Amino acid sequence: MRKDTVVYTSPLDALVAVTKRLSSYESQRNMDSEEFFNRYNRGELGDELDFVEWANDYRHYLELRRQLSNELKNAA
C-alpha cells in the first residue's frame, strides 16, 4: 500500500488537517483521541492498521500543538 505525502504551507494548516483525521477516527470508534492514545499505549487495544495510523496522527497532533504554542510564546 502506497501512502501519498502531503506538504502543508504552515503548521496551522497541518494541525487543521490532522484534527480532521482525528475527528474521523473518533466518530468511527466512538472514543476521543486522548482516551484512545492512553489505552493504545497501555496495550489495551490491538495493532490494527487503523490504530497505528490513529496513534501516529495523534502524536503528530501533539507535536504540532507544541510547536505552535512555542511559536506563539516567542511572538509575544
N, C-alpha and C. Protein backbone atom coordinates (compact mmCIF):
# COMPACT_ATOMS: atom_id res chain seq x y z
N MET A 1 0.83 -1.17 0.00
CA MET A 1 0.00 0.00 0.00
C MET A 1 0.89 1.24 0.00
N ARG A 2 0.66 2.14 -0.93
CA ARG A 2 1.47 3.34 -1.07
C ARG A 2 0.74 4.52 -0.46
N LYS A 3 1.45 5.25 0.41
CA LYS A 3 0.88 6.43 1.03
C LYS A 3 1.37 7.66 0.29
N ASP A 4 0.48 8.61 0.07
CA ASP A 4 0.87 9.87 -0.54
C ASP A 4 1.36 10.81 0.55
N THR A 5 2.34 11.63 0.20
CA THR A 5 2.86 12.62 1.11
C THR A 5 2.24 13.96 0.78
N VAL A 6 1.74 14.63 1.82
CA VAL A 6 1.15 15.95 1.65
C VAL A 6 2.04 16.94 2.37
N VAL A 7 2.36 18.03 1.69
CA VAL A 7 3.18 19.07 2.28
C VAL A 7 2.29 20.27 2.56
N TYR A 8 2.31 20.73 3.81
CA TYR A 8 1.49 21.88 4.20
C TYR A 8 2.36 23.13 4.25
N THR A 9 1.73 24.26 3.99
CA THR A 9 2.47 25.52 3.96
C THR A 9 2.73 26.09 5.34
N SER A 10 1.99 25.60 6.33
CA SER A 10 2.21 26.09 7.70
C SER A 10 1.82 25.00 8.69
N PRO A 11 2.37 25.10 9.91
CA PRO A 11 1.97 24.14 10.94
C PRO A 11 0.48 24.23 11.26
N LEU A 12 -0.10 25.41 11.11
CA LEU A 12 -1.53 25.56 11.37
C LEU A 12 -2.36 24.78 10.36
N ASP A 13 -1.97 24.84 9.09
CA ASP A 13 -2.67 24.04 8.06
C ASP A 13 -2.55 22.55 8.36
N ALA A 14 -1.37 22.13 8.79
CA ALA A 14 -1.16 20.72 9.13
C ALA A 14 -2.01 20.33 10.33
N LEU A 15 -2.10 21.23 11.32
CA LEU A 15 -2.91 20.94 12.50
C LEU A 15 -4.38 20.79 12.15
N VAL A 16 -4.88 21.64 11.28
CA VAL A 16 -6.27 21.53 10.85
C VAL A 16 -6.51 20.19 10.16
N ALA A 17 -5.61 19.79 9.28
CA ALA A 17 -5.76 18.53 8.56
C ALA A 17 -5.72 17.33 9.49
N VAL A 18 -4.76 17.31 10.41
CA VAL A 18 -4.65 16.16 11.31
C VAL A 18 -5.83 16.13 12.28
N THR A 19 -6.34 17.29 12.67
CA THR A 19 -7.50 17.34 13.55
C THR A 19 -8.73 16.75 12.86
N LYS A 20 -8.87 17.01 11.57
CA LYS A 20 -9.98 16.42 10.82
C LYS A 20 -9.86 14.90 10.77
N ARG A 21 -8.64 14.40 10.57
CA ARG A 21 -8.45 12.94 10.56
C ARG A 21 -8.75 12.34 11.93
N LEU A 22 -8.32 13.02 13.00
CA LEU A 22 -8.60 12.52 14.35
C LEU A 22 -10.10 12.49 14.60
N SER A 23 -10.80 13.50 14.15
CA SER A 23 -12.25 13.56 14.33
C SER A 23 -12.92 12.38 13.62
N SER A 24 -12.42 12.02 12.47
CA SER A 24 -12.96 10.89 11.73
C SER A 24 -12.75 9.58 12.51
N TYR A 25 -11.54 9.37 13.04
CA TYR A 25 -11.28 8.17 13.85
C TYR A 25 -12.21 8.14 15.07
N GLU A 26 -12.36 9.30 15.73
CA GLU A 26 -13.18 9.37 16.93
C GLU A 26 -14.64 9.00 16.63
N SER A 27 -15.14 9.47 15.51
CA SER A 27 -16.52 9.16 15.11
C SER A 27 -16.68 7.67 14.81
N GLN A 28 -15.70 7.11 14.10
CA GLN A 28 -15.78 5.70 13.73
C GLN A 28 -15.72 4.78 14.95
N ARG A 29 -14.88 5.13 15.92
CA ARG A 29 -14.64 4.25 17.08
C ARG A 29 -15.38 4.70 18.34
N ASN A 30 -16.08 5.83 18.25
CA ASN A 30 -16.84 6.34 19.39
C ASN A 30 -15.96 6.51 20.64
N MET A 31 -14.78 7.11 20.43
CA MET A 31 -13.82 7.29 21.52
C MET A 31 -12.99 8.52 21.17
N ASP A 32 -12.69 9.37 22.16
CA ASP A 32 -11.86 10.53 21.83
C ASP A 32 -10.40 10.10 21.71
N SER A 33 -9.63 10.90 21.03
CA SER A 33 -8.25 10.54 20.70
C SER A 33 -7.35 10.41 21.92
N GLU A 34 -7.55 11.25 22.91
CA GLU A 34 -6.72 11.17 24.12
C GLU A 34 -6.96 9.84 24.84
N GLU A 35 -8.22 9.46 25.01
CA GLU A 35 -8.54 8.18 25.64
C GLU A 35 -7.97 7.02 24.82
N PHE A 36 -8.18 7.09 23.50
CA PHE A 36 -7.64 6.05 22.63
C PHE A 36 -6.13 5.92 22.82
N PHE A 37 -5.43 7.05 22.77
CA PHE A 37 -3.97 7.04 22.83
C PHE A 37 -3.48 6.45 24.16
N ASN A 38 -4.13 6.82 25.25
CA ASN A 38 -3.75 6.26 26.55
C ASN A 38 -3.97 4.75 26.59
N ARG A 39 -5.11 4.29 26.09
CA ARG A 39 -5.40 2.86 26.07
C ARG A 39 -4.46 2.12 25.12
N TYR A 40 -4.18 2.72 23.98
CA TYR A 40 -3.28 2.12 22.99
C TYR A 40 -1.88 1.95 23.59
N ASN A 41 -1.40 2.99 24.27
CA ASN A 41 -0.07 2.93 24.88
C ASN A 41 0.02 1.92 26.02
N ARG A 42 -1.10 1.66 26.68
CA ARG A 42 -1.13 0.66 27.75
C ARG A 42 -1.27 -0.76 27.18
N GLY A 43 -1.43 -0.87 25.89
CA GLY A 43 -1.55 -2.18 25.26
C GLY A 43 -2.95 -2.77 25.34
N GLU A 44 -3.95 -1.94 25.63
CA GLU A 44 -5.31 -2.44 25.76
C GLU A 44 -6.00 -2.63 24.43
N LEU A 45 -5.43 -2.08 23.37
CA LEU A 45 -6.02 -2.18 22.04
C LEU A 45 -5.07 -2.96 21.14
N GLY A 46 -5.58 -3.46 20.05
CA GLY A 46 -4.76 -4.24 19.13
C GLY A 46 -3.82 -3.37 18.31
N ASP A 47 -3.19 -4.02 17.35
CA ASP A 47 -2.26 -3.30 16.47
C ASP A 47 -2.79 -3.24 15.05
N GLU A 48 -4.12 -3.06 14.95
CA GLU A 48 -4.73 -2.89 13.64
C GLU A 48 -4.10 -1.68 12.94
N LEU A 49 -4.11 -1.71 11.63
CA LEU A 49 -3.54 -0.60 10.87
C LEU A 49 -4.19 0.73 11.24
N ASP A 50 -5.53 0.73 11.42
CA ASP A 50 -6.22 1.97 11.81
C ASP A 50 -5.70 2.50 13.13
N PHE A 51 -5.44 1.61 14.09
CA PHE A 51 -4.94 2.06 15.39
C PHE A 51 -3.53 2.64 15.28
N VAL A 52 -2.70 2.01 14.49
CA VAL A 52 -1.34 2.52 14.30
C VAL A 52 -1.38 3.90 13.65
N GLU A 53 -2.22 4.06 12.63
CA GLU A 53 -2.34 5.36 11.95
C GLU A 53 -2.94 6.40 12.88
N TRP A 54 -3.94 6.01 13.67
CA TRP A 54 -4.55 6.94 14.62
C TRP A 54 -3.52 7.40 15.65
N ALA A 55 -2.76 6.47 16.19
CA ALA A 55 -1.73 6.82 17.17
C ALA A 55 -0.69 7.75 16.55
N ASN A 56 -0.28 7.47 15.32
CA ASN A 56 0.70 8.34 14.66
C ASN A 56 0.12 9.73 14.41
N ASP A 57 -1.14 9.79 13.99
CA ASP A 57 -1.78 11.09 13.79
C ASP A 57 -1.88 11.85 15.11
N TYR A 58 -2.18 11.15 16.20
CA TYR A 58 -2.30 11.83 17.49
C TYR A 58 -0.93 12.35 17.95
N ARG A 59 0.13 11.56 17.74
CA ARG A 59 1.48 12.04 18.07
C ARG A 59 1.81 13.29 17.25
N HIS A 60 1.46 13.26 15.98
CA HIS A 60 1.69 14.40 15.10
C HIS A 60 0.91 15.61 15.61
N TYR A 61 -0.34 15.40 15.99
CA TYR A 61 -1.19 16.45 16.54
C TYR A 61 -0.53 17.09 17.78
N LEU A 62 -0.06 16.26 18.70
CA LEU A 62 0.58 16.77 19.91
C LEU A 62 1.83 17.58 19.58
N GLU A 63 2.62 17.10 18.64
CA GLU A 63 3.84 17.82 18.24
C GLU A 63 3.49 19.15 17.58
N LEU A 64 2.50 19.17 16.72
CA LEU A 64 2.09 20.42 16.07
C LEU A 64 1.58 21.43 17.10
N ARG A 65 0.81 20.96 18.07
CA ARG A 65 0.33 21.88 19.12
C ARG A 65 1.48 22.44 19.92
N ARG A 66 2.46 21.60 20.24
CA ARG A 66 3.64 22.06 20.98
C ARG A 66 4.40 23.11 20.18
N GLN A 67 4.59 22.81 18.89
CA GLN A 67 5.31 23.71 18.01
C GLN A 67 4.60 25.07 17.89
N LEU A 68 3.29 25.04 17.67
CA LEU A 68 2.53 26.28 17.55
C LEU A 68 2.51 27.06 18.87
N SER A 69 2.42 26.36 19.97
CA SER A 69 2.44 27.03 21.28
C SER A 69 3.78 27.74 21.49
N ASN A 70 4.87 27.08 21.14
CA ASN A 70 6.19 27.71 21.27
C ASN A 70 6.32 28.92 20.36
N GLU A 71 5.81 28.81 19.14
CA GLU A 71 5.88 29.94 18.22
C GLU A 71 5.08 31.13 18.75
N LEU A 72 3.93 30.86 19.34
CA LEU A 72 3.11 31.93 19.91
C LEU A 72 3.80 32.58 21.10
N LYS A 73 4.44 31.78 21.95
CA LYS A 73 5.17 32.34 23.09
C LYS A 73 6.32 33.22 22.63
N ASN A 74 7.02 32.79 21.59
CA ASN A 74 8.16 33.56 21.08
C ASN A 74 7.71 34.84 20.38
N ALA A 75 6.50 34.84 19.85
CA ALA A 75 5.99 36.02 19.14
C ALA A 75 5.50 37.08 20.11
N ALA A 76 5.16 36.67 21.32
CA ALA A 76 4.60 37.62 22.31
C ALA A 76 5.64 38.47 22.97
